[in-house]
Amino acid sequence: MLDCYRKGGKLLVAGNGGSAADSEHIVGELMKSFLFHRKISDEIESNLVEYFGEGGAQLAGKLEGALPAIPMTSMPALTSAFANDVDAAVSFAQMLFGYGCAGDVFLGISTSGNSKNIVYALMVAKAKGIRTILLTGGTGGQGISLADYTICVPETETFKIQELHLPVYHALCAMLEAELFQEK
């Protein structure tokens, strides 16, 4: 993920149910400050002031550095259209096909590792040269053989897996933010 961001890439995240909510949560931590102040670039700040004067200065003072991340769970029109017209299990794969580029990272969250829509997205990612991380539990399921990296928490019950995912993704977000925004 760090390499992806350093090279100008983005993170695409997806999961189902509670894991869909986790997808949204992760994106929220990455797109705005989490633990550290995230100053915007001097160039953008200068441009805002140059183009918009005092209003630009005020805006620049409120903007925060962002790590580009997309929750693929937040597109109900696209998801429902694809589900109605093609196949619901392929919705995340279609989004990853359309939005993802080589150098990006896909983070798939599946408590079993067998969610068909996550498995299909992992397959598309591999075909497009997108690095993948599977956040899962139990044995990791089918997804473990498809993901570049797997974080498999030591639990088998869905709600317990989800409870253990929270500190994992908070740690990932905190480490990224510390490396990319903490003033050295």
N, C-alpha and C. Protein backbone atom coordinates (compact mmCIF):
# COMPACT_ATOMS: atom_id res chain seq x y z
N MET A 1 0.84 -1.19 0.00
CA MET A 1 0.00 0.00 0.00
C MET A 1 0.87 1.25 0.00
N LEU A 2 1.94 1.23 0.77
CA LEU A 2 2.85 2.37 0.81
C LEU A 2 3.47 2.62 -0.56
N ASP A 3 3.94 1.57 -1.19
CA ASP A 3 4.52 1.69 -2.52
C ASP A 3 3.49 2.23 -3.51
N CYS A 4 2.26 1.75 -3.41
CA CYS A 4 1.17 2.22 -4.28
C CYS A 4 0.99 3.73 -4.13
N TYR A 5 0.90 4.21 -2.91
CA TYR A 5 0.68 5.63 -2.68
C TYR A 5 1.89 6.47 -3.09
N ARG A 6 3.07 5.96 -2.86
CA ARG A 6 4.27 6.71 -3.25
C ARG A 6 4.36 6.87 -4.77
N LYS A 7 3.76 5.95 -5.49
CA LYS A 7 3.79 5.99 -6.96
C LYS A 7 2.53 6.61 -7.55
N GLY A 8 1.68 7.20 -6.71
CA GLY A 8 0.51 7.90 -7.21
C GLY A 8 -0.71 7.03 -7.45
N GLY A 9 -0.72 5.83 -6.90
CA GLY A 9 -1.85 4.93 -7.08
C GLY A 9 -2.95 5.16 -6.06
N LYS A 10 -3.93 4.28 -6.10
CA LYS A 10 -5.08 4.38 -5.21
C LYS A 10 -5.41 3.01 -4.64
N LEU A 11 -6.20 3.02 -3.60
CA LEU A 11 -6.69 1.81 -2.96
C LEU A 11 -8.17 1.66 -3.30
N LEU A 12 -8.56 0.47 -3.72
CA LEU A 12 -9.97 0.15 -3.95
C LEU A 12 -10.34 -0.90 -2.92
N VAL A 13 -11.47 -0.71 -2.22
CA VAL A 13 -11.83 -1.56 -1.10
C VAL A 13 -13.24 -2.08 -1.28
N ALA A 14 -13.46 -3.35 -0.92
CA ALA A 14 -14.81 -3.92 -1.00
C ALA A 14 -14.99 -5.03 0.03
N GLY A 15 -16.22 -5.19 0.45
CA GLY A 15 -16.63 -6.27 1.34
C GLY A 15 -18.14 -6.32 1.37
N ASN A 16 -18.70 -7.26 2.08
CA ASN A 16 -20.15 -7.45 2.15
C ASN A 16 -20.64 -7.26 3.59
N GLY A 17 -21.83 -6.73 3.74
CA GLY A 17 -22.42 -6.58 5.08
C GLY A 17 -21.56 -5.73 5.98
N GLY A 18 -21.18 -6.28 7.13
CA GLY A 18 -20.32 -5.55 8.06
C GLY A 18 -18.98 -5.20 7.43
N SER A 19 -18.51 -6.03 6.53
CA SER A 19 -17.25 -5.76 5.84
C SER A 19 -17.40 -4.62 4.83
N ALA A 20 -18.62 -4.41 4.34
CA ALA A 20 -18.88 -3.24 3.50
C ALA A 20 -18.75 -1.98 4.34
N ALA A 21 -19.28 -2.03 5.56
CA ALA A 21 -19.14 -0.90 6.47
C ALA A 21 -17.67 -0.66 6.80
N ASP A 22 -16.91 -1.73 6.98
CA ASP A 22 -15.47 -1.60 7.21
C ASP A 22 -14.79 -0.95 6.02
N SER A 23 -15.23 -1.27 4.80
CA SER A 23 -14.67 -0.65 3.60
C SER A 23 -14.82 0.86 3.66
N GLU A 24 -16.02 1.30 4.02
CA GLU A 24 -16.29 2.73 4.16
C GLU A 24 -15.40 3.35 5.24
N HIS A 25 -15.27 2.66 6.36
CA HIS A 25 -14.48 3.13 7.48
C HIS A 25 -13.02 3.32 7.07
N ILE A 26 -12.47 2.34 6.38
CA ILE A 26 -11.08 2.42 5.93
C ILE A 26 -10.87 3.63 5.03
N VAL A 27 -11.78 3.82 4.09
CA VAL A 27 -11.66 4.95 3.17
C VAL A 27 -11.73 6.26 3.93
N GLY A 28 -12.59 6.34 4.93
CA GLY A 28 -12.67 7.55 5.74
C GLY A 28 -11.36 7.86 6.44
N GLU A 29 -10.69 6.84 6.94
CA GLU A 29 -9.41 7.06 7.63
C GLU A 29 -8.32 7.51 6.67
N LEU A 30 -8.41 7.06 5.41
CA LEU A 30 -7.36 7.38 4.44
C LEU A 30 -7.57 8.72 3.74
N MET A 31 -8.81 9.12 3.56
CA MET A 31 -9.09 10.32 2.78
C MET A 31 -9.04 11.61 3.59
N LYS A 32 -8.92 11.50 4.91
CA LYS A 32 -8.78 12.68 5.75
C LYS A 32 -7.86 12.33 6.91
N SER A 33 -7.51 13.32 7.72
CA SER A 33 -6.59 13.05 8.81
C SER A 33 -7.15 12.00 9.76
N PHE A 34 -6.26 11.20 10.28
CA PHE A 34 -6.60 10.12 11.22
C PHE A 34 -5.89 10.40 12.54
N LEU A 35 -4.59 10.26 12.56
CA LEU A 35 -3.81 10.52 13.77
C LEU A 35 -2.86 11.70 13.64
N PHE A 36 -2.50 12.07 12.42
CA PHE A 36 -1.54 13.12 12.18
C PHE A 36 -2.15 14.25 11.36
N HIS A 37 -1.61 15.44 11.54
CA HIS A 37 -1.99 16.58 10.71
C HIS A 37 -1.51 16.29 9.29
N ARG A 38 -2.35 16.58 8.32
CA ARG A 38 -1.99 16.31 6.92
C ARG A 38 -2.04 17.61 6.14
N LYS A 39 -0.93 18.28 6.07
CA LYS A 39 -0.84 19.53 5.33
C LYS A 39 -0.93 19.25 3.84
N ILE A 40 -1.65 20.12 3.12
CA ILE A 40 -1.69 19.99 1.67
C ILE A 40 -0.39 20.55 1.10
N SER A 41 -0.13 20.27 -0.15
CA SER A 41 1.13 20.72 -0.76
C SER A 41 1.17 22.24 -0.84
N ASP A 42 2.36 22.78 -0.76
CA ASP A 42 2.55 24.22 -0.89
C ASP A 42 2.04 24.71 -2.24
N GLU A 43 2.21 23.89 -3.28
CA GLU A 43 1.77 24.28 -4.62
C GLU A 43 0.25 24.47 -4.68
N ILE A 44 -0.50 23.55 -4.13
CA ILE A 44 -1.96 23.67 -4.15
C ILE A 44 -2.41 24.83 -3.28
N GLU A 45 -1.78 24.97 -2.13
CA GLU A 45 -2.12 26.09 -1.25
C GLU A 45 -1.86 27.42 -1.97
N SER A 46 -0.71 27.53 -2.61
CA SER A 46 -0.36 28.75 -3.34
C SER A 46 -1.34 29.02 -4.48
N ASN A 47 -1.70 27.99 -5.23
CA ASN A 47 -2.66 28.14 -6.33
C ASN A 47 -4.01 28.61 -5.83
N LEU A 48 -4.47 28.04 -4.73
CA LEU A 48 -5.77 28.45 -4.17
C LEU A 48 -5.75 29.93 -3.79
N VAL A 49 -4.66 30.36 -3.16
CA VAL A 49 -4.55 31.77 -2.77
C VAL A 49 -4.45 32.66 -4.00
N GLU A 50 -3.64 32.25 -4.96
CA GLU A 50 -3.47 33.05 -6.18
C GLU A 50 -4.79 33.21 -6.94
N TYR A 51 -5.53 32.11 -7.11
CA TYR A 51 -6.75 32.14 -7.90
C TYR A 51 -7.95 32.72 -7.16
N PHE A 52 -7.99 32.55 -5.83
CA PHE A 52 -9.22 32.88 -5.10
C PHE A 52 -9.01 33.77 -3.88
N GLY A 53 -7.81 34.30 -3.72
CA GLY A 53 -7.56 35.26 -2.65
C GLY A 53 -7.86 34.70 -1.27
N GLU A 54 -8.54 35.54 -0.47
CA GLU A 54 -8.84 35.17 0.92
C GLU A 54 -9.68 33.90 1.00
N GLY A 55 -10.65 33.75 0.09
CA GLY A 55 -11.46 32.52 0.08
C GLY A 55 -10.62 31.29 -0.18
N GLY A 56 -9.65 31.41 -1.07
CA GLY A 56 -8.73 30.30 -1.34
C GLY A 56 -7.85 29.99 -0.15
N ALA A 57 -7.42 31.04 0.56
CA ALA A 57 -6.59 30.85 1.75
C ALA A 57 -7.38 30.12 2.83
N GLN A 58 -8.65 30.51 3.00
CA GLN A 58 -9.50 29.84 3.99
C GLN A 58 -9.71 28.37 3.63
N LEU A 59 -9.96 28.12 2.36
CA LEU A 59 -10.15 26.74 1.91
C LEU A 59 -8.88 25.93 2.11
N ALA A 60 -7.73 26.49 1.74
CA ALA A 60 -6.45 25.80 1.90
C ALA A 60 -6.21 25.44 3.37
N GLY A 61 -6.65 26.30 4.27
CA GLY A 61 -6.48 26.04 5.70
C GLY A 61 -7.36 24.91 6.22
N LYS A 62 -8.38 24.55 5.47
CA LYS A 62 -9.29 23.48 5.90
C LYS A 62 -9.07 22.16 5.17
N LEU A 63 -8.45 22.20 4.00
CA LEU A 63 -8.20 20.96 3.27
C LEU A 63 -7.12 20.14 3.98
N GLU A 64 -7.20 18.83 3.82
CA GLU A 64 -6.23 17.93 4.41
C GLU A 64 -5.66 17.03 3.32
N GLY A 65 -4.43 16.60 3.50
CA GLY A 65 -3.84 15.66 2.57
C GLY A 65 -4.65 14.37 2.55
N ALA A 66 -4.79 13.79 1.38
CA ALA A 66 -5.62 12.59 1.23
C ALA A 66 -4.82 11.46 0.59
N LEU A 67 -5.15 10.25 1.01
CA LEU A 67 -4.63 9.05 0.36
C LEU A 67 -5.79 8.50 -0.46
N PRO A 68 -5.71 8.57 -1.78
CA PRO A 68 -6.84 8.20 -2.63
C PRO A 68 -7.33 6.77 -2.38
N ALA A 69 -8.59 6.66 -2.04
CA ALA A 69 -9.20 5.37 -1.75
C ALA A 69 -10.66 5.41 -2.17
N ILE A 70 -11.12 4.32 -2.75
CA ILE A 70 -12.50 4.24 -3.25
C ILE A 70 -13.19 3.05 -2.60
N PRO A 71 -14.32 3.31 -1.91
CA PRO A 71 -15.11 2.19 -1.39
C PRO A 71 -16.05 1.70 -2.49
N MET A 72 -15.76 0.56 -3.05
CA MET A 72 -16.59 0.06 -4.14
C MET A 72 -17.99 -0.34 -3.66
N THR A 73 -18.18 -0.29 -2.37
CA THR A 73 -19.48 -0.59 -1.77
C THR A 73 -20.44 0.59 -1.84
N SER A 74 -19.95 1.76 -2.26
CA SER A 74 -20.75 2.99 -2.23
C SER A 74 -21.33 3.38 -3.57
N MET A 75 -21.57 2.43 -4.42
CA MET A 75 -22.08 2.75 -5.75
C MET A 75 -23.34 1.94 -6.04
N PRO A 76 -24.41 2.27 -5.33
CA PRO A 76 -25.62 1.43 -5.47
C PRO A 76 -26.25 1.45 -6.86
N ALA A 77 -26.17 2.55 -7.58
CA ALA A 77 -26.75 2.57 -8.93
C ALA A 77 -26.00 1.62 -9.85
N LEU A 78 -24.68 1.68 -9.82
CA LEU A 78 -23.87 0.79 -10.65
C LEU A 78 -24.03 -0.66 -10.21
N THR A 79 -23.95 -0.89 -8.91
CA THR A 79 -24.06 -2.25 -8.39
C THR A 79 -25.40 -2.87 -8.74
N SER A 80 -26.47 -2.12 -8.53
CA SER A 80 -27.81 -2.68 -8.80
C SER A 80 -28.05 -2.85 -10.29
N ALA A 81 -27.55 -1.94 -11.11
CA ALA A 81 -27.69 -2.09 -12.56
C ALA A 81 -26.96 -3.33 -13.04
N PHE A 82 -25.73 -3.52 -12.55
CA PHE A 82 -24.96 -4.68 -12.97
C PHE A 82 -25.62 -5.96 -12.46
N ALA A 83 -26.13 -5.92 -11.24
CA ALA A 83 -26.81 -7.09 -10.67
C ALA A 83 -28.06 -7.44 -11.48
N ASN A 84 -28.80 -6.43 -11.89
CA ASN A 84 -30.03 -6.64 -12.65
C ASN A 84 -29.75 -7.11 -14.08
N ASP A 85 -28.74 -6.50 -14.70
CA ASP A 85 -28.50 -6.75 -16.12
C ASP A 85 -27.51 -7.89 -16.39
N VAL A 86 -26.61 -8.17 -15.46
CA VAL A 86 -25.56 -9.15 -15.72
C VAL A 86 -25.52 -10.21 -14.62
N ASP A 87 -24.84 -9.89 -13.51
CA ASP A 87 -24.67 -10.86 -12.42
C ASP A 87 -24.16 -10.11 -11.19
N ALA A 88 -24.91 -10.14 -10.11
CA ALA A 88 -24.53 -9.42 -8.89
C ALA A 88 -23.14 -9.81 -8.39
N ALA A 89 -22.78 -11.07 -8.55
CA ALA A 89 -21.49 -11.55 -8.05
C ALA A 89 -20.30 -10.95 -8.80
N VAL A 90 -20.57 -10.32 -9.92
CA VAL A 90 -19.48 -9.77 -10.73
C VAL A 90 -19.37 -8.25 -10.57
N SER A 91 -20.23 -7.65 -9.77
CA SER A 91 -20.24 -6.18 -9.63
C SER A 91 -18.90 -5.61 -9.20
N PHE A 92 -18.29 -6.14 -8.15
CA PHE A 92 -17.01 -5.61 -7.69
C PHE A 92 -15.93 -5.85 -8.74
N ALA A 93 -15.97 -6.99 -9.40
CA ALA A 93 -14.99 -7.28 -10.46
C ALA A 93 -15.12 -6.25 -11.59
N GLN A 94 -16.35 -5.91 -11.95
CA GLN A 94 -16.57 -4.92 -13.00
C GLN A 94 -16.04 -3.55 -12.59
N MET A 95 -16.29 -3.17 -11.34
CA MET A 95 -15.78 -1.88 -10.85
C MET A 95 -14.26 -1.86 -10.84
N LEU A 96 -13.67 -2.95 -10.38
CA LEU A 96 -12.21 -3.03 -10.35
C LEU A 96 -11.66 -2.99 -11.78
N PHE A 97 -12.34 -3.64 -12.70
CA PHE A 97 -11.94 -3.60 -14.10
C PHE A 97 -11.99 -2.17 -14.63
N GLY A 98 -13.01 -1.42 -14.27
CA GLY A 98 -13.17 -0.05 -14.76
C GLY A 98 -12.32 0.98 -14.05
N TYR A 99 -12.19 0.87 -12.74
CA TYR A 99 -11.48 1.88 -11.96
C TYR A 99 -10.02 1.55 -11.68
N GLY A 100 -9.68 0.28 -11.65
CA GLY A 100 -8.34 -0.13 -11.23
C GLY A 100 -7.31 -0.06 -12.34
N CYS A 101 -6.10 0.28 -11.94
CA CYS A 101 -4.97 0.35 -12.86
C CYS A 101 -3.80 -0.41 -12.25
N ALA A 102 -2.91 -0.90 -13.11
CA ALA A 102 -1.70 -1.53 -12.61
C ALA A 102 -1.03 -0.55 -11.66
N GLY A 103 -0.58 -1.04 -10.53
CA GLY A 103 0.02 -0.17 -9.52
C GLY A 103 -0.92 0.18 -8.39
N ASP A 104 -2.23 0.04 -8.63
CA ASP A 104 -3.21 0.24 -7.56
C ASP A 104 -3.21 -0.99 -6.65
N VAL A 105 -3.95 -0.89 -5.55
CA VAL A 105 -4.11 -2.01 -4.63
C VAL A 105 -5.60 -2.24 -4.41
N PHE A 106 -6.01 -3.50 -4.43
CA PHE A 106 -7.36 -3.89 -4.06
C PHE A 106 -7.30 -4.57 -2.71
N LEU A 107 -8.10 -4.06 -1.77
CA LEU A 107 -8.25 -4.68 -0.45
C LEU A 107 -9.63 -5.32 -0.40
N GLY A 108 -9.67 -6.63 -0.45
CA GLY A 108 -10.93 -7.36 -0.36
C GLY A 108 -11.12 -7.87 1.06
N ILE A 109 -12.31 -7.64 1.59
CA ILE A 109 -12.61 -8.09 2.95
C ILE A 109 -13.69 -9.15 2.87
N SER A 110 -13.36 -10.34 3.34
CA SER A 110 -14.31 -11.45 3.37
C SER A 110 -14.01 -12.29 4.60
N THR A 111 -14.95 -12.37 5.50
CA THR A 111 -14.67 -13.10 6.75
C THR A 111 -14.37 -14.58 6.48
N SER A 112 -14.95 -15.14 5.43
CA SER A 112 -14.71 -16.55 5.09
C SER A 112 -13.60 -16.71 4.06
N GLY A 113 -13.36 -15.65 3.28
CA GLY A 113 -12.44 -15.75 2.15
C GLY A 113 -13.08 -16.39 0.93
N ASN A 114 -14.37 -16.69 1.01
CA ASN A 114 -15.07 -17.37 -0.07
C ASN A 114 -16.14 -16.53 -0.74
N SER A 115 -16.29 -15.28 -0.37
CA SER A 115 -17.33 -14.44 -0.97
C SER A 115 -17.07 -14.36 -2.47
N LYS A 116 -18.05 -14.81 -3.24
CA LYS A 116 -17.87 -14.92 -4.69
C LYS A 116 -17.50 -13.59 -5.32
N ASN A 117 -18.14 -12.50 -4.86
CA ASN A 117 -17.84 -11.20 -5.46
C ASN A 117 -16.42 -10.73 -5.14
N ILE A 118 -15.90 -11.09 -3.99
CA ILE A 118 -14.52 -10.74 -3.64
C ILE A 118 -13.55 -11.63 -4.42
N VAL A 119 -13.86 -12.91 -4.54
CA VAL A 119 -13.02 -13.83 -5.31
C VAL A 119 -12.92 -13.37 -6.76
N TYR A 120 -14.05 -13.00 -7.37
CA TYR A 120 -14.02 -12.51 -8.75
C TYR A 120 -13.20 -11.22 -8.87
N ALA A 121 -13.31 -10.35 -7.90
CA ALA A 121 -12.53 -9.11 -7.92
C ALA A 121 -11.03 -9.42 -7.81
N LEU A 122 -10.67 -10.37 -6.98
CA LEU A 122 -9.26 -10.78 -6.87
C LEU A 122 -8.75 -11.32 -8.20
N MET A 123 -9.60 -12.04 -8.92
CA MET A 123 -9.22 -12.58 -10.22
C MET A 123 -8.97 -11.46 -11.23
N VAL A 124 -9.87 -10.47 -11.28
CA VAL A 124 -9.69 -9.34 -12.19
C VAL A 124 -8.43 -8.57 -11.83
N ALA A 125 -8.21 -8.37 -10.53
CA ALA A 125 -7.02 -7.64 -10.10
C ALA A 125 -5.75 -8.31 -10.62
N LYS A 126 -5.67 -9.62 -10.47
CA LYS A 126 -4.49 -10.34 -10.94
C LYS A 126 -4.31 -10.15 -12.44
N ALA A 127 -5.41 -10.22 -13.20
CA ALA A 127 -5.35 -10.06 -14.65
C ALA A 127 -4.91 -8.66 -15.06
N LYS A 128 -5.21 -7.65 -14.23
CA LYS A 128 -4.86 -6.26 -14.56
C LYS A 128 -3.56 -5.78 -13.93
N GLY A 129 -2.90 -6.61 -13.15
CA GLY A 129 -1.65 -6.19 -12.51
C GLY A 129 -1.88 -5.32 -11.29
N ILE A 130 -3.02 -5.47 -10.65
CA ILE A 130 -3.35 -4.74 -9.42
C ILE A 130 -2.96 -5.62 -8.25
N ARG A 131 -2.18 -5.08 -7.32
CA ARG A 131 -1.78 -5.84 -6.13
C ARG A 131 -3.00 -6.05 -5.25
N THR A 132 -3.03 -7.17 -4.53
CA THR A 132 -4.21 -7.50 -3.72
C THR A 132 -3.85 -7.87 -2.30
N ILE A 133 -4.76 -7.48 -1.41
CA ILE A 133 -4.70 -7.85 0.00
C ILE A 133 -6.05 -8.43 0.35
N LEU A 134 -6.06 -9.58 0.98
CA LEU A 134 -7.30 -10.19 1.48
C LEU A 134 -7.27 -10.09 3.00
N LEU A 135 -8.30 -9.48 3.55
CA LEU A 135 -8.49 -9.42 5.00
C LEU A 135 -9.58 -10.42 5.31
N THR A 136 -9.24 -11.46 6.07
CA THR A 136 -10.16 -12.58 6.26
C THR A 136 -10.00 -13.19 7.64
N GLY A 137 -10.60 -14.35 7.83
CA GLY A 137 -10.50 -15.09 9.08
C GLY A 137 -10.54 -16.57 8.78
N GLY A 138 -10.63 -17.37 9.84
CA GLY A 138 -10.70 -18.82 9.66
C GLY A 138 -9.50 -19.35 8.92
N THR A 139 -9.76 -20.08 7.84
CA THR A 139 -8.67 -20.66 7.04
C THR A 139 -8.30 -19.78 5.86
N GLY A 140 -9.04 -18.70 5.63
CA GLY A 140 -8.77 -17.81 4.50
C GLY A 140 -9.53 -18.17 3.26
N GLY A 141 -10.12 -19.35 3.24
CA GLY A 141 -10.97 -19.76 2.13
C GLY A 141 -10.27 -19.74 0.79
N GLN A 142 -11.07 -19.67 -0.26
CA GLN A 142 -10.58 -19.68 -1.64
C GLN A 142 -9.72 -18.45 -1.94
N GLY A 143 -10.03 -17.33 -1.33
CA GLY A 143 -9.32 -16.09 -1.61
C GLY A 143 -7.85 -16.13 -1.26
N ILE A 144 -7.48 -16.96 -0.31
CA ILE A 144 -6.08 -17.00 0.14
C ILE A 144 -5.13 -17.39 -0.99
N SER A 145 -5.60 -18.22 -1.92
CA SER A 145 -4.74 -18.64 -3.02
C SER A 145 -4.70 -17.60 -4.14
N LEU A 146 -5.59 -16.61 -4.09
CA LEU A 146 -5.66 -15.59 -5.14
C LEU A 146 -4.99 -14.28 -4.76
N ALA A 147 -4.93 -13.99 -3.48
CA ALA A 147 -4.41 -12.70 -3.01
C ALA A 147 -2.89 -12.70 -2.96
N ASP A 148 -2.31 -11.52 -3.23
CA ASP A 148 -0.87 -11.37 -3.08
C ASP A 148 -0.47 -11.42 -1.61
N TYR A 149 -1.30 -10.81 -0.78
CA TYR A 149 -1.06 -10.78 0.66
C TYR A 149 -2.37 -11.12 1.36
N THR A 150 -2.28 -11.91 2.41
CA THR A 150 -3.47 -12.25 3.19
C THR A 150 -3.21 -11.93 4.65
N ILE A 151 -4.17 -11.25 5.24
CA ILE A 151 -4.16 -11.03 6.69
C ILE A 151 -5.35 -11.84 7.21
N CYS A 152 -5.03 -12.94 7.85
CA CYS A 152 -6.05 -13.88 8.31
C CYS A 152 -6.07 -13.86 9.84
N VAL A 153 -7.12 -13.28 10.41
CA VAL A 153 -7.21 -13.20 11.87
C VAL A 153 -7.60 -14.56 12.44
N PRO A 154 -7.16 -14.86 13.65
CA PRO A 154 -7.36 -16.19 14.23
C PRO A 154 -8.74 -16.36 14.89
N GLU A 155 -9.75 -16.37 14.07
CA GLU A 155 -11.12 -16.54 14.59
C GLU A 155 -11.96 -17.16 13.48
N THR A 156 -13.07 -17.80 13.87
CA THR A 156 -13.94 -18.45 12.88
C THR A 156 -15.36 -17.89 12.87
N GLU A 157 -15.79 -17.27 13.94
CA GLU A 157 -17.14 -16.70 13.97
C GLU A 157 -17.12 -15.32 13.32
N THR A 158 -18.10 -15.07 12.46
CA THR A 158 -18.12 -13.84 11.67
C THR A 158 -17.96 -12.59 12.51
N PHE A 159 -18.76 -12.43 13.55
CA PHE A 159 -18.68 -11.19 14.32
C PHE A 159 -17.34 -11.05 15.02
N LYS A 160 -16.74 -12.15 15.42
CA LYS A 160 -15.43 -12.09 16.07
C LYS A 160 -14.33 -11.74 15.05
N ILE A 161 -14.46 -12.28 13.85
CA ILE A 161 -13.52 -11.93 12.78
C ILE A 161 -13.60 -10.43 12.52
N GLN A 162 -14.83 -9.91 12.39
CA GLN A 162 -15.01 -8.48 12.13
C GLN A 162 -14.44 -7.63 13.26
N GLU A 163 -14.58 -8.07 14.50
CA GLU A 163 -14.02 -7.32 15.62
C GLU A 163 -12.49 -7.28 15.55
N LEU A 164 -11.88 -8.35 15.07
CA LEU A 164 -10.42 -8.37 14.94
C LEU A 164 -9.93 -7.63 13.70
N HIS A 165 -10.78 -7.48 12.71
CA HIS A 165 -10.38 -6.71 11.52
C HIS A 165 -10.17 -5.24 11.85
N LEU A 166 -10.97 -4.69 12.75
CA LEU A 166 -10.89 -3.27 13.08
C LEU A 166 -9.48 -2.84 13.51
N PRO A 167 -8.87 -3.48 14.51
CA PRO A 167 -7.52 -3.04 14.88
C PRO A 167 -6.48 -3.28 13.78
N VAL A 168 -6.71 -4.28 12.93
CA VAL A 168 -5.78 -4.54 11.82
C VAL A 168 -5.81 -3.38 10.84
N TYR A 169 -7.01 -3.00 10.39
CA TYR A 169 -7.03 -1.93 9.39
C TYR A 169 -6.73 -0.58 10.00
N HIS A 170 -7.03 -0.37 11.28
CA HIS A 170 -6.59 0.87 11.91
C HIS A 170 -5.07 0.95 11.95
N ALA A 171 -4.41 -0.17 12.23
CA ALA A 171 -2.94 -0.19 12.25
C ALA A 171 -2.39 0.11 10.87
N LEU A 172 -2.97 -0.48 9.83
CA LEU A 172 -2.51 -0.21 8.46
C LEU A 172 -2.67 1.27 8.11
N CYS A 173 -3.82 1.84 8.43
CA CYS A 173 -4.06 3.26 8.14
C CYS A 173 -3.10 4.14 8.93
N ALA A 174 -2.87 3.82 10.19
CA ALA A 174 -1.97 4.61 11.02
C ALA A 174 -0.54 4.56 10.51
N MET A 175 -0.10 3.37 10.09
CA MET A 175 1.26 3.24 9.58
C MET A 175 1.44 4.03 8.28
N LEU A 176 0.45 3.95 7.39
CA LEU A 176 0.53 4.72 6.14
C LEU A 176 0.58 6.21 6.43
N GLU A 177 -0.31 6.66 7.30
CA GLU A 177 -0.37 8.08 7.60
C GLU A 177 0.93 8.56 8.25
N ALA A 178 1.46 7.78 9.17
CA ALA A 178 2.71 8.17 9.84
C ALA A 178 3.85 8.28 8.83
N GLU A 179 3.91 7.36 7.91
CA GLU A 179 4.99 7.36 6.92
C GLU A 179 4.84 8.49 5.91
N LEU A 180 3.62 8.80 5.52
CA LEU A 180 3.40 9.75 4.42
C LEU A 180 3.09 11.18 4.89
N PHE A 181 2.67 11.35 6.13
CA PHE A 181 2.27 12.70 6.57
C PHE A 181 2.96 13.19 7.83
N GLN A 182 3.45 12.32 8.67
CA GLN A 182 4.09 12.79 9.90
C GLN A 182 5.32 13.61 9.51
N GLU A 183 5.37 14.82 10.02
CA GLU A 183 6.51 15.66 9.71
C GLU A 183 7.76 15.05 10.32
N LYS A 184 8.76 14.89 9.50
CA LYS A 184 10.01 14.23 9.93
C LYS A 184 10.97 15.25 10.49
